[in-house]
Amino acid sequence: MRVLVIAAHPDDEVLGCGATVARLAGEGHEVHAAILGEGLTSRYDHPEDMDRGLLDDIRQTSRRVADLLGVKEVHFRSFPDNRFDTVPLLSIIKEIEGLLEKVRPQVIYTHHGGDLNIDHVITARAVMTAARPLAGGPVKEIYAFEIPSSTEWAFSQFTPAFSPNTFVDVSRTLEIKIQAMLLYESEARLFPHPRSAEALRAMARKWGGTAGVEAAEAFALVRRIV
């Protein structure tokens, strides 16, 4: 099975489904990750002030994360951080269509459409459009993940609210996710921030309790064709 994780920012692939990716890769599935945004320029008043060396650094970190999780290849794009709404939606859709043609995934994991972060919302919309179920298309399943400090901080004020109905037992791979997140030193936070190691473990335990396992990642099934 070929799986494609489509994330807006570096670290979203870990926060959203890192433990699931590690499990899938460990089971022999071919996993790819696409990171659509450059992930840095929102920190600057003027995007052109960004140190290009920092972009190289964060992409190198993403590759290290991919190696840890077992991802075969990371596909980088350079849409502006937290400014996806300044780009024509069609441009993002076209990039994703190209990725689907290249990777030919049967399964996609991506953002939830009710998130607080605008890049996550636009990514979700673009994925749904690019992966529409045309005859001969490879994608059979699409799952939406939550991003700590974005999904829950929407406080269910944007529709649809995240309502998971699919749970992956990650009892054996949760700590790989934690290690991967710690590689993103500029994005990891101390407790009680939702992106802290303690909070990530607590979230996995919560969903595990919901699903009757030790630890789980939760997803909203968007579409499944059998």
N, C-alpha and C. Protein backbone atom coordinates (compact mmCIF):
# COMPACT_ATOMS: atom_id res chain seq x y z
N MET A 1 0.85 -1.20 0.00
CA MET A 1 0.00 0.00 0.00
C MET A 1 0.88 1.24 0.00
N ARG A 2 0.53 2.22 -0.83
CA ARG A 2 1.23 3.50 -0.84
C ARG A 2 0.38 4.55 -0.13
N VAL A 3 1.02 5.24 0.78
CA VAL A 3 0.37 6.23 1.62
C VAL A 3 1.04 7.57 1.40
N LEU A 4 0.24 8.62 1.31
CA LEU A 4 0.78 9.98 1.18
C LEU A 4 0.20 10.85 2.28
N VAL A 5 1.09 11.41 3.08
CA VAL A 5 0.70 12.40 4.09
C VAL A 5 0.91 13.77 3.48
N ILE A 6 -0.15 14.57 3.44
CA ILE A 6 -0.07 15.92 2.87
C ILE A 6 -0.24 16.91 4.00
N ALA A 7 0.84 17.62 4.32
CA ALA A 7 0.88 18.52 5.46
C ALA A 7 1.18 19.94 4.99
N ALA A 8 0.65 20.90 5.72
CA ALA A 8 0.88 22.30 5.37
C ALA A 8 2.26 22.77 5.78
N HIS A 9 2.74 22.33 6.94
CA HIS A 9 3.97 22.86 7.52
C HIS A 9 4.89 21.74 8.01
N PRO A 10 6.18 22.00 8.06
CA PRO A 10 7.08 21.07 8.73
C PRO A 10 6.66 20.92 10.19
N ASP A 11 6.47 19.75 10.63
CA ASP A 11 6.04 19.25 11.94
C ASP A 11 4.60 18.79 11.93
N ASP A 12 3.78 19.25 10.98
CA ASP A 12 2.39 18.78 10.91
C ASP A 12 2.31 17.29 10.62
N GLU A 13 3.26 16.79 9.83
CA GLU A 13 3.25 15.37 9.51
C GLU A 13 3.48 14.52 10.76
N VAL A 14 4.22 15.08 11.72
CA VAL A 14 4.46 14.37 12.98
C VAL A 14 3.27 14.53 13.92
N LEU A 15 2.85 15.76 14.12
CA LEU A 15 1.75 16.04 15.03
C LEU A 15 0.47 15.34 14.61
N GLY A 16 0.21 15.32 13.32
CA GLY A 16 -1.05 14.78 12.84
C GLY A 16 -1.12 13.26 12.83
N CYS A 17 -0.01 12.62 12.41
CA CYS A 17 -0.09 11.16 12.23
C CYS A 17 1.27 10.49 12.33
N GLY A 18 2.20 11.08 13.08
CA GLY A 18 3.54 10.54 13.13
C GLY A 18 3.63 9.11 13.61
N ALA A 19 2.87 8.77 14.64
CA ALA A 19 2.91 7.41 15.17
C ALA A 19 2.26 6.42 14.20
N THR A 20 1.22 6.85 13.52
CA THR A 20 0.59 6.01 12.51
C THR A 20 1.54 5.76 11.35
N VAL A 21 2.23 6.81 10.92
CA VAL A 21 3.21 6.66 9.84
C VAL A 21 4.28 5.65 10.24
N ALA A 22 4.80 5.77 11.46
CA ALA A 22 5.82 4.84 11.92
C ALA A 22 5.30 3.40 11.93
N ARG A 23 4.04 3.23 12.33
CA ARG A 23 3.46 1.88 12.32
C ARG A 23 3.32 1.36 10.89
N LEU A 24 2.78 2.19 9.99
CA LEU A 24 2.59 1.77 8.60
C LEU A 24 3.91 1.40 7.94
N ALA A 25 4.91 2.27 8.14
CA ALA A 25 6.22 1.99 7.56
C ALA A 25 6.82 0.71 8.13
N GLY A 26 6.64 0.52 9.43
CA GLY A 26 7.15 -0.69 10.07
C GLY A 26 6.48 -1.95 9.58
N GLU A 27 5.25 -1.82 9.09
CA GLU A 27 4.52 -2.96 8.56
C GLU A 27 4.81 -3.20 7.08
N GLY A 28 5.68 -2.36 6.51
CA GLY A 28 6.11 -2.58 5.13
C GLY A 28 5.40 -1.75 4.08
N HIS A 29 4.54 -0.84 4.50
CA HIS A 29 3.87 0.01 3.53
C HIS A 29 4.80 1.14 3.08
N GLU A 30 4.59 1.62 1.88
CA GLU A 30 5.40 2.71 1.32
C GLU A 30 4.75 4.04 1.68
N VAL A 31 5.42 4.83 2.48
CA VAL A 31 4.86 6.08 2.96
C VAL A 31 5.66 7.26 2.41
N HIS A 32 4.95 8.23 1.85
CA HIS A 32 5.53 9.48 1.38
C HIS A 32 4.94 10.61 2.21
N ALA A 33 5.68 11.70 2.31
CA ALA A 33 5.17 12.90 2.99
C ALA A 33 5.38 14.10 2.07
N ALA A 34 4.36 14.93 1.96
CA ALA A 34 4.45 16.18 1.21
C ALA A 34 4.26 17.33 2.19
N ILE A 35 5.18 18.28 2.19
CA ILE A 35 5.09 19.47 3.03
C ILE A 35 4.93 20.66 2.11
N LEU A 36 3.75 21.24 2.11
CA LEU A 36 3.40 22.24 1.10
C LEU A 36 3.99 23.62 1.38
N GLY A 37 4.10 24.01 2.64
CA GLY A 37 4.55 25.36 2.98
C GLY A 37 6.01 25.39 3.38
N GLU A 38 6.64 26.56 3.23
CA GLU A 38 8.04 26.66 3.63
C GLU A 38 8.18 26.74 5.14
N GLY A 39 7.15 27.17 5.85
CA GLY A 39 7.11 27.05 7.30
C GLY A 39 7.87 28.09 8.09
N LEU A 40 8.30 29.18 7.47
CA LEU A 40 9.15 30.13 8.19
C LEU A 40 8.76 31.59 8.05
N THR A 41 8.29 32.01 6.89
CA THR A 41 8.21 33.45 6.62
C THR A 41 7.19 34.20 7.47
N SER A 42 6.25 33.49 8.09
CA SER A 42 5.28 34.19 8.94
C SER A 42 5.95 34.80 10.17
N ARG A 43 7.18 34.41 10.44
CA ARG A 43 7.90 34.96 11.59
C ARG A 43 8.54 36.32 11.27
N TYR A 44 8.44 36.73 10.02
CA TYR A 44 9.07 37.97 9.59
C TYR A 44 8.01 38.96 9.11
N ASP A 45 8.24 40.25 9.35
CA ASP A 45 7.34 41.27 8.83
C ASP A 45 7.35 41.29 7.32
N HIS A 46 8.50 40.99 6.76
CA HIS A 46 8.66 40.96 5.30
C HIS A 46 9.25 39.61 4.91
N PRO A 47 8.50 38.80 4.15
CA PRO A 47 8.97 37.46 3.82
C PRO A 47 10.36 37.41 3.20
N GLU A 48 10.69 38.46 2.46
CA GLU A 48 12.01 38.47 1.80
C GLU A 48 13.16 38.57 2.79
N ASP A 49 12.86 38.88 4.06
CA ASP A 49 13.91 38.97 5.08
C ASP A 49 14.32 37.60 5.62
N MET A 50 13.63 36.55 5.23
CA MET A 50 13.94 35.22 5.75
C MET A 50 15.35 34.79 5.36
N ASP A 51 16.05 34.23 6.30
CA ASP A 51 17.37 33.66 6.07
C ASP A 51 17.20 32.34 5.32
N ARG A 52 17.66 32.27 4.09
CA ARG A 52 17.49 31.06 3.29
C ARG A 52 18.17 29.85 3.92
N GLY A 53 19.20 30.12 4.71
CA GLY A 53 19.86 29.02 5.39
C GLY A 53 18.95 28.32 6.37
N LEU A 54 18.03 29.07 6.99
CA LEU A 54 17.07 28.47 7.91
C LEU A 54 16.13 27.52 7.19
N LEU A 55 15.78 27.87 5.94
CA LEU A 55 14.92 26.99 5.15
C LEU A 55 15.64 25.68 4.88
N ASP A 56 16.91 25.76 4.53
CA ASP A 56 17.69 24.54 4.31
C ASP A 56 17.74 23.70 5.59
N ASP A 57 17.89 24.39 6.73
CA ASP A 57 17.99 23.68 8.01
C ASP A 57 16.70 22.93 8.33
N ILE A 58 15.56 23.60 8.15
CA ILE A 58 14.31 22.95 8.53
C ILE A 58 13.98 21.81 7.57
N ARG A 59 14.37 21.94 6.32
CA ARG A 59 14.14 20.84 5.39
C ARG A 59 15.05 19.66 5.72
N GLN A 60 16.24 19.96 6.16
CA GLN A 60 17.13 18.88 6.58
C GLN A 60 16.55 18.17 7.80
N THR A 61 15.95 18.96 8.71
CA THR A 61 15.30 18.36 9.87
C THR A 61 14.14 17.46 9.43
N SER A 62 13.36 17.93 8.47
CA SER A 62 12.24 17.12 7.96
C SER A 62 12.74 15.81 7.38
N ARG A 63 13.88 15.82 6.75
CA ARG A 63 14.43 14.58 6.21
C ARG A 63 14.87 13.64 7.33
N ARG A 64 15.44 14.21 8.40
CA ARG A 64 15.81 13.39 9.56
C ARG A 64 14.57 12.78 10.21
N VAL A 65 13.52 13.58 10.30
CA VAL A 65 12.26 13.09 10.83
C VAL A 65 11.73 11.95 9.96
N ALA A 66 11.79 12.13 8.65
CA ALA A 66 11.32 11.10 7.73
C ALA A 66 12.09 9.80 7.93
N ASP A 67 13.39 9.90 8.09
CA ASP A 67 14.19 8.69 8.31
C ASP A 67 13.77 7.99 9.61
N LEU A 68 13.51 8.78 10.63
CA LEU A 68 13.10 8.19 11.91
C LEU A 68 11.75 7.49 11.81
N LEU A 69 10.83 8.11 11.09
CA LEU A 69 9.48 7.55 10.97
C LEU A 69 9.40 6.42 9.95
N GLY A 70 10.37 6.35 9.05
CA GLY A 70 10.34 5.33 8.01
C GLY A 70 9.74 5.80 6.71
N VAL A 71 9.65 7.12 6.53
CA VAL A 71 9.09 7.69 5.29
C VAL A 71 10.08 7.50 4.15
N LYS A 72 9.58 7.07 3.01
CA LYS A 72 10.44 6.81 1.86
C LYS A 72 10.99 8.09 1.26
N GLU A 73 10.11 9.11 1.10
CA GLU A 73 10.53 10.35 0.45
C GLU A 73 9.69 11.51 0.96
N VAL A 74 10.34 12.66 1.13
CA VAL A 74 9.65 13.89 1.48
C VAL A 74 9.61 14.79 0.26
N HIS A 75 8.43 15.29 -0.07
CA HIS A 75 8.24 16.15 -1.24
C HIS A 75 7.98 17.57 -0.73
N PHE A 76 8.88 18.48 -1.00
CA PHE A 76 8.76 19.84 -0.49
C PHE A 76 8.17 20.76 -1.56
N ARG A 77 7.29 21.65 -1.11
CA ARG A 77 6.83 22.76 -1.92
C ARG A 77 7.09 24.03 -1.13
N SER A 78 6.83 25.19 -1.69
CA SER A 78 7.26 26.44 -1.05
C SER A 78 6.16 27.48 -0.94
N PHE A 79 4.95 27.04 -0.64
CA PHE A 79 3.88 28.02 -0.46
C PHE A 79 4.14 28.83 0.81
N PRO A 80 3.70 30.10 0.84
CA PRO A 80 4.07 31.02 1.93
C PRO A 80 3.42 30.65 3.26
N ASP A 81 4.23 30.63 4.29
CA ASP A 81 3.80 30.19 5.61
C ASP A 81 2.69 31.05 6.18
N ASN A 82 1.58 30.40 6.56
CA ASN A 82 0.40 31.08 7.11
C ASN A 82 -0.16 32.14 6.18
N ARG A 83 0.11 31.96 4.90
CA ARG A 83 -0.41 32.87 3.87
C ARG A 83 -0.92 32.09 2.66
N PHE A 84 -1.36 30.85 2.88
CA PHE A 84 -1.90 30.08 1.75
C PHE A 84 -3.07 30.80 1.11
N ASP A 85 -3.77 31.63 1.89
CA ASP A 85 -4.92 32.35 1.36
C ASP A 85 -4.53 33.47 0.40
N THR A 86 -3.23 33.72 0.25
CA THR A 86 -2.77 34.71 -0.73
C THR A 86 -2.42 34.06 -2.06
N VAL A 87 -2.55 32.74 -2.13
CA VAL A 87 -2.21 31.98 -3.33
C VAL A 87 -3.51 31.49 -3.97
N PRO A 88 -3.64 31.56 -5.28
CA PRO A 88 -4.83 30.99 -5.91
C PRO A 88 -4.99 29.52 -5.52
N LEU A 89 -6.18 29.16 -5.09
CA LEU A 89 -6.43 27.78 -4.68
C LEU A 89 -6.05 26.81 -5.79
N LEU A 90 -6.29 27.19 -7.02
CA LEU A 90 -5.98 26.31 -8.14
C LEU A 90 -4.49 25.97 -8.19
N SER A 91 -3.65 26.91 -7.80
CA SER A 91 -2.20 26.64 -7.82
C SER A 91 -1.84 25.54 -6.83
N ILE A 92 -2.47 25.55 -5.66
CA ILE A 92 -2.21 24.51 -4.67
C ILE A 92 -2.79 23.18 -5.13
N ILE A 93 -3.98 23.22 -5.70
CA ILE A 93 -4.60 22.00 -6.22
C ILE A 93 -3.71 21.36 -7.29
N LYS A 94 -3.18 22.18 -8.18
CA LYS A 94 -2.33 21.65 -9.26
C LYS A 94 -1.08 20.97 -8.70
N GLU A 95 -0.49 21.56 -7.67
CA GLU A 95 0.69 20.94 -7.06
C GLU A 95 0.33 19.59 -6.46
N ILE A 96 -0.82 19.51 -5.81
CA ILE A 96 -1.23 18.25 -5.20
C ILE A 96 -1.58 17.23 -6.28
N GLU A 97 -2.20 17.66 -7.34
CA GLU A 97 -2.48 16.75 -8.45
C GLU A 97 -1.19 16.15 -8.99
N GLY A 98 -0.16 16.98 -9.09
CA GLY A 98 1.14 16.47 -9.55
C GLY A 98 1.71 15.44 -8.59
N LEU A 99 1.56 15.68 -7.30
CA LEU A 99 2.02 14.72 -6.31
C LEU A 99 1.27 13.39 -6.42
N LEU A 100 -0.04 13.48 -6.62
CA LEU A 100 -0.84 12.26 -6.74
C LEU A 100 -0.45 11.47 -7.98
N GLU A 101 -0.14 12.18 -9.04
CA GLU A 101 0.28 11.50 -10.26
C GLU A 101 1.63 10.82 -10.07
N LYS A 102 2.51 11.46 -9.31
CA LYS A 102 3.85 10.91 -9.08
C LYS A 102 3.83 9.75 -8.11
N VAL A 103 3.14 9.91 -6.99
CA VAL A 103 3.17 8.90 -5.93
C VAL A 103 2.14 7.80 -6.15
N ARG A 104 0.98 8.15 -6.69
CA ARG A 104 -0.13 7.23 -6.89
C ARG A 104 -0.54 6.54 -5.58
N PRO A 105 -0.87 7.33 -4.56
CA PRO A 105 -1.21 6.73 -3.26
C PRO A 105 -2.62 6.14 -3.26
N GLN A 106 -2.77 5.06 -2.52
CA GLN A 106 -4.12 4.55 -2.27
C GLN A 106 -4.77 5.25 -1.07
N VAL A 107 -3.93 5.74 -0.16
CA VAL A 107 -4.42 6.34 1.09
C VAL A 107 -3.77 7.70 1.29
N ILE A 108 -4.57 8.68 1.70
CA ILE A 108 -4.07 10.02 2.03
C ILE A 108 -4.44 10.34 3.47
N TYR A 109 -3.48 10.89 4.19
CA TYR A 109 -3.73 11.52 5.48
C TYR A 109 -3.44 13.00 5.33
N THR A 110 -4.37 13.85 5.78
CA THR A 110 -4.18 15.28 5.62
C THR A 110 -4.94 16.04 6.71
N HIS A 111 -4.97 17.36 6.56
CA HIS A 111 -5.54 18.22 7.59
C HIS A 111 -7.07 18.14 7.64
N HIS A 112 -7.58 18.57 8.76
CA HIS A 112 -9.02 18.67 8.97
C HIS A 112 -9.50 20.05 8.55
N GLY A 113 -10.66 20.10 7.92
CA GLY A 113 -11.16 21.35 7.37
C GLY A 113 -11.68 22.36 8.36
N GLY A 114 -11.82 21.98 9.64
CA GLY A 114 -12.34 22.89 10.65
C GLY A 114 -11.28 23.47 11.56
N ASP A 115 -10.03 23.44 11.13
CA ASP A 115 -8.94 23.93 11.96
C ASP A 115 -8.91 25.45 12.08
N LEU A 116 -8.18 25.92 13.08
CA LEU A 116 -7.97 27.35 13.27
C LEU A 116 -7.01 27.92 12.24
N ASN A 117 -5.98 27.15 11.88
CA ASN A 117 -4.94 27.63 10.98
C ASN A 117 -5.43 27.64 9.54
N ILE A 118 -5.31 28.78 8.88
CA ILE A 118 -5.84 28.94 7.52
C ILE A 118 -5.12 28.03 6.53
N ASP A 119 -3.82 27.79 6.72
CA ASP A 119 -3.10 26.91 5.81
C ASP A 119 -3.64 25.48 5.89
N HIS A 120 -4.01 25.05 7.09
CA HIS A 120 -4.58 23.71 7.26
C HIS A 120 -5.91 23.60 6.53
N VAL A 121 -6.73 24.63 6.66
CA VAL A 121 -8.06 24.64 6.04
C VAL A 121 -7.93 24.58 4.53
N ILE A 122 -7.04 25.38 3.98
CA ILE A 122 -6.88 25.42 2.52
C ILE A 122 -6.27 24.12 2.01
N THR A 123 -5.35 23.55 2.77
CA THR A 123 -4.78 22.26 2.38
C THR A 123 -5.87 21.20 2.31
N ALA A 124 -6.74 21.16 3.30
CA ALA A 124 -7.83 20.19 3.30
C ALA A 124 -8.71 20.35 2.07
N ARG A 125 -9.04 21.58 1.75
CA ARG A 125 -9.90 21.85 0.58
C ARG A 125 -9.19 21.45 -0.72
N ALA A 126 -7.91 21.78 -0.81
CA ALA A 126 -7.16 21.47 -2.02
C ALA A 126 -7.00 19.96 -2.21
N VAL A 127 -6.76 19.25 -1.13
CA VAL A 127 -6.63 17.79 -1.22
C VAL A 127 -7.94 17.17 -1.69
N MET A 128 -9.05 17.61 -1.12
CA MET A 128 -10.34 17.06 -1.52
C MET A 128 -10.61 17.29 -3.01
N THR A 129 -10.19 18.43 -3.51
CA THR A 129 -10.41 18.73 -4.92
C THR A 129 -9.47 17.93 -5.80
N ALA A 130 -8.19 17.90 -5.44
CA ALA A 130 -7.22 17.18 -6.26
C ALA A 130 -7.48 15.68 -6.28
N ALA A 131 -8.00 15.16 -5.16
CA ALA A 131 -8.21 13.71 -5.03
C ALA A 131 -9.66 13.32 -5.27
N ARG A 132 -10.41 14.17 -5.98
CA ARG A 132 -11.81 13.83 -6.24
C ARG A 132 -11.87 12.48 -6.97
N PRO A 133 -12.92 11.71 -6.73
CA PRO A 133 -12.96 10.32 -7.19
C PRO A 133 -13.30 10.17 -8.67
N LEU A 134 -12.35 10.54 -9.52
CA LEU A 134 -12.51 10.35 -10.95
C LEU A 134 -12.17 8.91 -11.32
N ALA A 135 -12.73 8.42 -12.40
CA ALA A 135 -12.44 7.06 -12.85
C ALA A 135 -10.94 6.89 -13.07
N GLY A 136 -10.39 5.82 -12.53
CA GLY A 136 -8.97 5.55 -12.70
C GLY A 136 -8.08 6.20 -11.67
N GLY A 137 -8.65 7.04 -10.80
CA GLY A 137 -7.86 7.69 -9.77
C GLY A 137 -7.37 6.68 -8.73
N PRO A 138 -6.18 6.91 -8.17
CA PRO A 138 -5.62 5.91 -7.25
C PRO A 138 -6.17 5.98 -5.84
N VAL A 139 -6.66 7.13 -5.41
CA VAL A 139 -6.96 7.35 -4.00
C VAL A 139 -8.28 6.67 -3.62
N LYS A 140 -8.19 5.77 -2.65
CA LYS A 140 -9.37 5.05 -2.18
C LYS A 140 -9.80 5.47 -0.78
N GLU A 141 -8.88 6.03 -0.01
CA GLU A 141 -9.20 6.42 1.36
C GLU A 141 -8.55 7.77 1.68
N ILE A 142 -9.30 8.64 2.34
CA ILE A 142 -8.77 9.92 2.82
C ILE A 142 -9.14 10.06 4.29
N TYR A 143 -8.14 10.37 5.10
CA TYR A 143 -8.34 10.56 6.54
C TYR A 143 -7.85 11.95 6.93
N ALA A 144 -8.61 12.62 7.77
CA ALA A 144 -8.23 13.94 8.28
C ALA A 144 -7.71 13.80 9.71
N PHE A 145 -6.59 14.46 9.98
CA PHE A 145 -6.01 14.40 11.32
C PHE A 145 -6.15 15.73 12.04
N GLU A 146 -5.97 15.67 13.34
CA GLU A 146 -5.97 16.88 14.16
C GLU A 146 -4.54 17.34 14.38
N ILE A 147 -4.38 18.65 14.57
CA ILE A 147 -3.08 19.23 14.87
C ILE A 147 -3.18 19.92 16.23
N PRO A 148 -2.49 19.40 17.24
CA PRO A 148 -2.52 20.05 18.55
C PRO A 148 -2.09 21.51 18.47
N SER A 149 -2.83 22.38 19.11
CA SER A 149 -2.69 23.84 19.12
C SER A 149 -3.31 24.49 17.90
N SER A 150 -4.03 23.73 17.10
CA SER A 150 -4.76 24.31 15.98
C SER A 150 -6.20 23.78 15.94
N THR A 151 -6.34 22.45 15.94
CA THR A 151 -7.67 21.88 15.83
C THR A 151 -8.51 22.19 17.07
N GLU A 152 -7.96 21.90 18.25
CA GLU A 152 -8.74 22.11 19.47
C GLU A 152 -8.90 23.60 19.79
N TRP A 153 -7.95 24.42 19.35
CA TRP A 153 -8.04 25.86 19.63
C TRP A 153 -9.06 26.57 18.73
N ALA A 154 -9.64 25.85 17.80
CA ALA A 154 -10.79 26.39 17.06
C ALA A 154 -12.05 26.33 17.91
N PHE A 155 -12.02 25.55 18.99
CA PHE A 155 -13.14 25.44 19.93
C PHE A 155 -14.47 25.16 19.24
N SER A 156 -14.38 24.34 18.18
CA SER A 156 -15.57 23.90 17.44
C SER A 156 -16.38 25.06 16.85
N GLN A 157 -15.73 26.20 16.64
CA GLN A 157 -16.43 27.36 16.08
C GLN A 157 -16.44 27.35 14.56
N PHE A 158 -15.60 26.52 13.96
CA PHE A 158 -15.56 26.41 12.51
C PHE A 158 -16.04 25.02 12.12
N THR A 159 -16.76 24.95 11.05
CA THR A 159 -17.32 23.66 10.63
C THR A 159 -16.48 23.05 9.52
N PRO A 160 -16.41 21.72 9.50
CA PRO A 160 -16.97 20.82 10.51
C PRO A 160 -16.05 20.74 11.72
N ALA A 161 -16.60 20.52 12.89
CA ALA A 161 -15.79 20.26 14.07
C ALA A 161 -15.14 18.89 13.93
N PHE A 162 -13.95 18.74 14.49
CA PHE A 162 -13.25 17.47 14.40
C PHE A 162 -14.00 16.42 15.21
N SER A 163 -14.44 15.38 14.53
CA SER A 163 -15.20 14.30 15.18
C SER A 163 -14.66 12.97 14.68
N PRO A 164 -13.63 12.45 15.32
CA PRO A 164 -12.95 11.25 14.81
C PRO A 164 -13.83 10.01 14.88
N ASN A 165 -13.64 9.17 13.87
CA ASN A 165 -14.37 7.90 13.84
C ASN A 165 -13.47 6.74 13.45
N THR A 166 -12.17 7.02 13.35
CA THR A 166 -11.19 5.99 13.03
C THR A 166 -10.01 6.15 13.97
N PHE A 167 -9.56 5.05 14.56
CA PHE A 167 -8.50 5.11 15.56
C PHE A 167 -7.43 4.07 15.21
N VAL A 168 -6.18 4.51 15.26
CA VAL A 168 -5.06 3.61 14.97
C VAL A 168 -4.31 3.34 16.27
N ASP A 169 -4.14 2.08 16.58
CA ASP A 169 -3.40 1.68 17.78
C ASP A 169 -1.92 1.98 17.56
N VAL A 170 -1.40 2.94 18.31
CA VAL A 170 0.00 3.34 18.18
C VAL A 170 0.77 3.10 19.47
N SER A 171 0.33 2.11 20.22
CA SER A 171 0.96 1.82 21.50
C SER A 171 2.45 1.55 21.35
N ARG A 172 2.85 0.95 20.24
CA ARG A 172 4.25 0.59 20.04
C ARG A 172 5.05 1.67 19.33
N THR A 173 4.40 2.67 18.78
CA THR A 173 5.13 3.67 17.98
C THR A 173 4.97 5.09 18.50
N LEU A 174 4.25 5.26 19.60
CA LEU A 174 4.03 6.59 20.14
C LEU A 174 5.34 7.29 20.47
N GLU A 175 6.27 6.58 21.06
CA GLU A 175 7.52 7.21 21.46
C GLU A 175 8.37 7.61 20.26
N ILE A 176 8.19 6.94 19.13
CA ILE A 176 8.88 7.37 17.90
C ILE A 176 8.34 8.73 17.48
N LYS A 177 7.03 8.92 17.60
CA LYS A 177 6.43 10.22 17.30
C LYS A 177 7.01 11.29 18.22
N ILE A 178 7.12 11.00 19.49
CA ILE A 178 7.65 11.97 20.45
C ILE A 178 9.09 12.34 20.08
N GLN A 179 9.90 11.33 19.75
CA GLN A 179 11.28 11.59 19.35
C GLN A 179 11.34 12.44 18.09
N ALA A 180 10.46 12.14 17.14
CA ALA A 180 10.44 12.90 15.89
C ALA A 180 10.07 14.36 16.14
N MET A 181 9.11 14.59 17.01
CA MET A 181 8.70 15.96 17.30
C MET A 181 9.83 16.73 17.96
N LEU A 182 10.60 16.07 18.80
CA LEU A 182 11.70 16.75 19.48
C LEU A 182 12.79 17.18 18.51
N LEU A 183 12.85 16.53 17.33
CA LEU A 183 13.81 16.97 16.32
C LEU A 183 13.47 18.36 15.79
N TYR A 184 12.18 18.69 15.78
CA TYR A 184 11.74 20.03 15.39
C TYR A 184 11.88 20.95 16.60
N GLU A 185 13.10 21.30 16.93
CA GLU A 185 13.37 22.03 18.17
C GLU A 185 12.63 23.37 18.24
N SER A 186 12.47 24.04 17.10
CA SER A 186 11.83 25.35 17.11
C SER A 186 10.32 25.26 17.25
N GLU A 187 9.75 24.07 17.07
CA GLU A 187 8.30 23.90 17.11
C GLU A 187 7.82 23.19 18.37
N ALA A 188 8.67 22.37 18.96
CA ALA A 188 8.29 21.69 20.20
C ALA A 188 8.18 22.71 21.33
N ARG A 189 7.33 22.43 22.29
CA ARG A 189 7.08 23.35 23.40
C ARG A 189 7.11 22.58 24.72
N LEU A 190 7.17 23.35 25.81
CA LEU A 190 7.12 22.76 27.13
C LEU A 190 5.67 22.64 27.60
N PHE A 191 5.41 21.66 28.45
CA PHE A 191 4.09 21.48 29.03
C PHE A 191 3.71 22.73 29.83
N PRO A 192 2.45 23.19 29.75
CA PRO A 192 1.26 22.50 29.24
C PRO A 192 0.89 22.80 27.78
N HIS A 193 1.81 23.28 26.99
CA HIS A 193 1.50 23.54 25.59
C HIS A 193 1.08 22.23 24.90
N PRO A 194 0.10 22.28 23.99
CA PRO A 194 -0.37 21.06 23.33
C PRO A 194 0.70 20.33 22.52
N ARG A 195 1.77 21.03 22.12
CA ARG A 195 2.82 20.39 21.34
C ARG A 195 3.96 19.86 22.22
N SER A 196 3.78 19.87 23.51
CA SER A 196 4.78 19.30 24.41
C SER A 196 4.69 17.78 24.38
N ALA A 197 5.79 17.14 24.74
CA ALA A 197 5.80 15.68 24.77
C ALA A 197 4.74 15.13 25.72
N GLU A 198 4.61 15.78 26.88
CA GLU A 198 3.62 15.31 27.85
C GLU A 198 2.20 15.40 27.31
N ALA A 199 1.90 16.51 26.63
CA ALA A 199 0.55 16.69 26.09
C ALA A 199 0.28 15.72 24.94
N LEU A 200 1.28 15.46 24.12
CA LEU A 200 1.10 14.52 23.02
C LEU A 200 0.85 13.11 23.55
N ARG A 201 1.58 12.74 24.60
CA ARG A 201 1.31 11.43 25.21
C ARG A 201 -0.10 11.38 25.80
N ALA A 202 -0.50 12.46 26.47
CA ALA A 202 -1.84 12.49 27.08
C ALA A 202 -2.93 12.38 26.02
N MET A 203 -2.73 13.05 24.89
CA MET A 203 -3.72 12.97 23.81
C MET A 203 -3.83 11.53 23.30
N ALA A 204 -2.68 10.89 23.10
CA ALA A 204 -2.69 9.51 22.61
C ALA A 204 -3.34 8.57 23.62
N ARG A 205 -3.11 8.82 24.91
CA ARG A 205 -3.74 7.99 25.95
C ARG A 205 -5.26 8.21 25.95
N LYS A 206 -5.67 9.47 25.77
CA LYS A 206 -7.11 9.76 25.74
C LYS A 206 -7.79 9.00 24.61
N TRP A 207 -7.23 9.11 23.40
CA TRP A 207 -7.85 8.42 22.26
C TRP A 207 -7.70 6.91 22.42
N GLY A 208 -6.62 6.48 23.05
CA GLY A 208 -6.49 5.06 23.32
C GLY A 208 -7.60 4.56 24.23
N GLY A 209 -7.89 5.34 25.28
CA GLY A 209 -8.99 4.97 26.16
C GLY A 209 -10.32 4.93 25.43
N THR A 210 -10.50 5.85 24.49
CA THR A 210 -11.73 5.86 23.69
C THR A 210 -11.85 4.59 22.86
N ALA A 211 -10.71 4.14 22.32
CA ALA A 211 -10.72 3.00 21.40
C ALA A 211 -10.42 1.67 22.07
N GLY A 212 -10.11 1.70 23.37
CA GLY A 212 -9.84 0.45 24.07
C GLY A 212 -8.45 -0.10 23.87
N VAL A 213 -7.48 0.79 23.60
CA VAL A 213 -6.09 0.39 23.47
C VAL A 213 -5.24 1.31 24.33
N GLU A 214 -3.97 1.01 24.44
CA GLU A 214 -3.09 1.80 25.31
C GLU A 214 -2.90 3.22 24.79
N ALA A 215 -2.72 3.37 23.49
CA ALA A 215 -2.50 4.69 22.89
C ALA A 215 -2.98 4.66 21.45
N ALA A 216 -3.56 5.76 21.00
CA ALA A 216 -4.11 5.80 19.64
C ALA A 216 -3.98 7.19 19.05
N GLU A 217 -3.94 7.24 17.72
CA GLU A 217 -4.14 8.50 16.99
C GLU A 217 -5.52 8.44 16.37
N ALA A 218 -6.18 9.60 16.34
CA ALA A 218 -7.58 9.67 15.91
C ALA A 218 -7.69 10.39 14.58
N PHE A 219 -8.60 9.91 13.74
CA PHE A 219 -8.80 10.48 12.41
C PHE A 219 -10.29 10.53 12.09
N ALA A 220 -10.63 11.50 11.26
CA ALA A 220 -11.97 11.55 10.70
C ALA A 220 -11.91 10.96 9.30
N LEU A 221 -12.63 9.89 9.09
CA LEU A 221 -12.69 9.28 7.76
C LEU A 221 -13.48 10.22 6.84
N VAL A 222 -12.82 10.69 5.81
CA VAL A 222 -13.46 11.58 4.85
C VAL A 222 -14.13 10.80 3.73
N ARG A 223 -13.41 9.78 3.24
CA ARG A 223 -13.94 9.00 2.12
C ARG A 223 -13.23 7.67 2.07
N ARG A 224 -13.99 6.62 1.77
CA ARG A 224 -13.41 5.30 1.60
C ARG A 224 -14.18 4.58 0.51
N ILE A 225 -13.47 4.14 -0.49
CA ILE A 225 -14.08 3.42 -1.63
C ILE A 225 -13.59 1.98 -1.60
N VAL A 226 -14.50 1.05 -1.52
CA VAL A 226 -14.12 -0.37 -1.48
C VAL A 226 -14.84 -1.13 -2.59
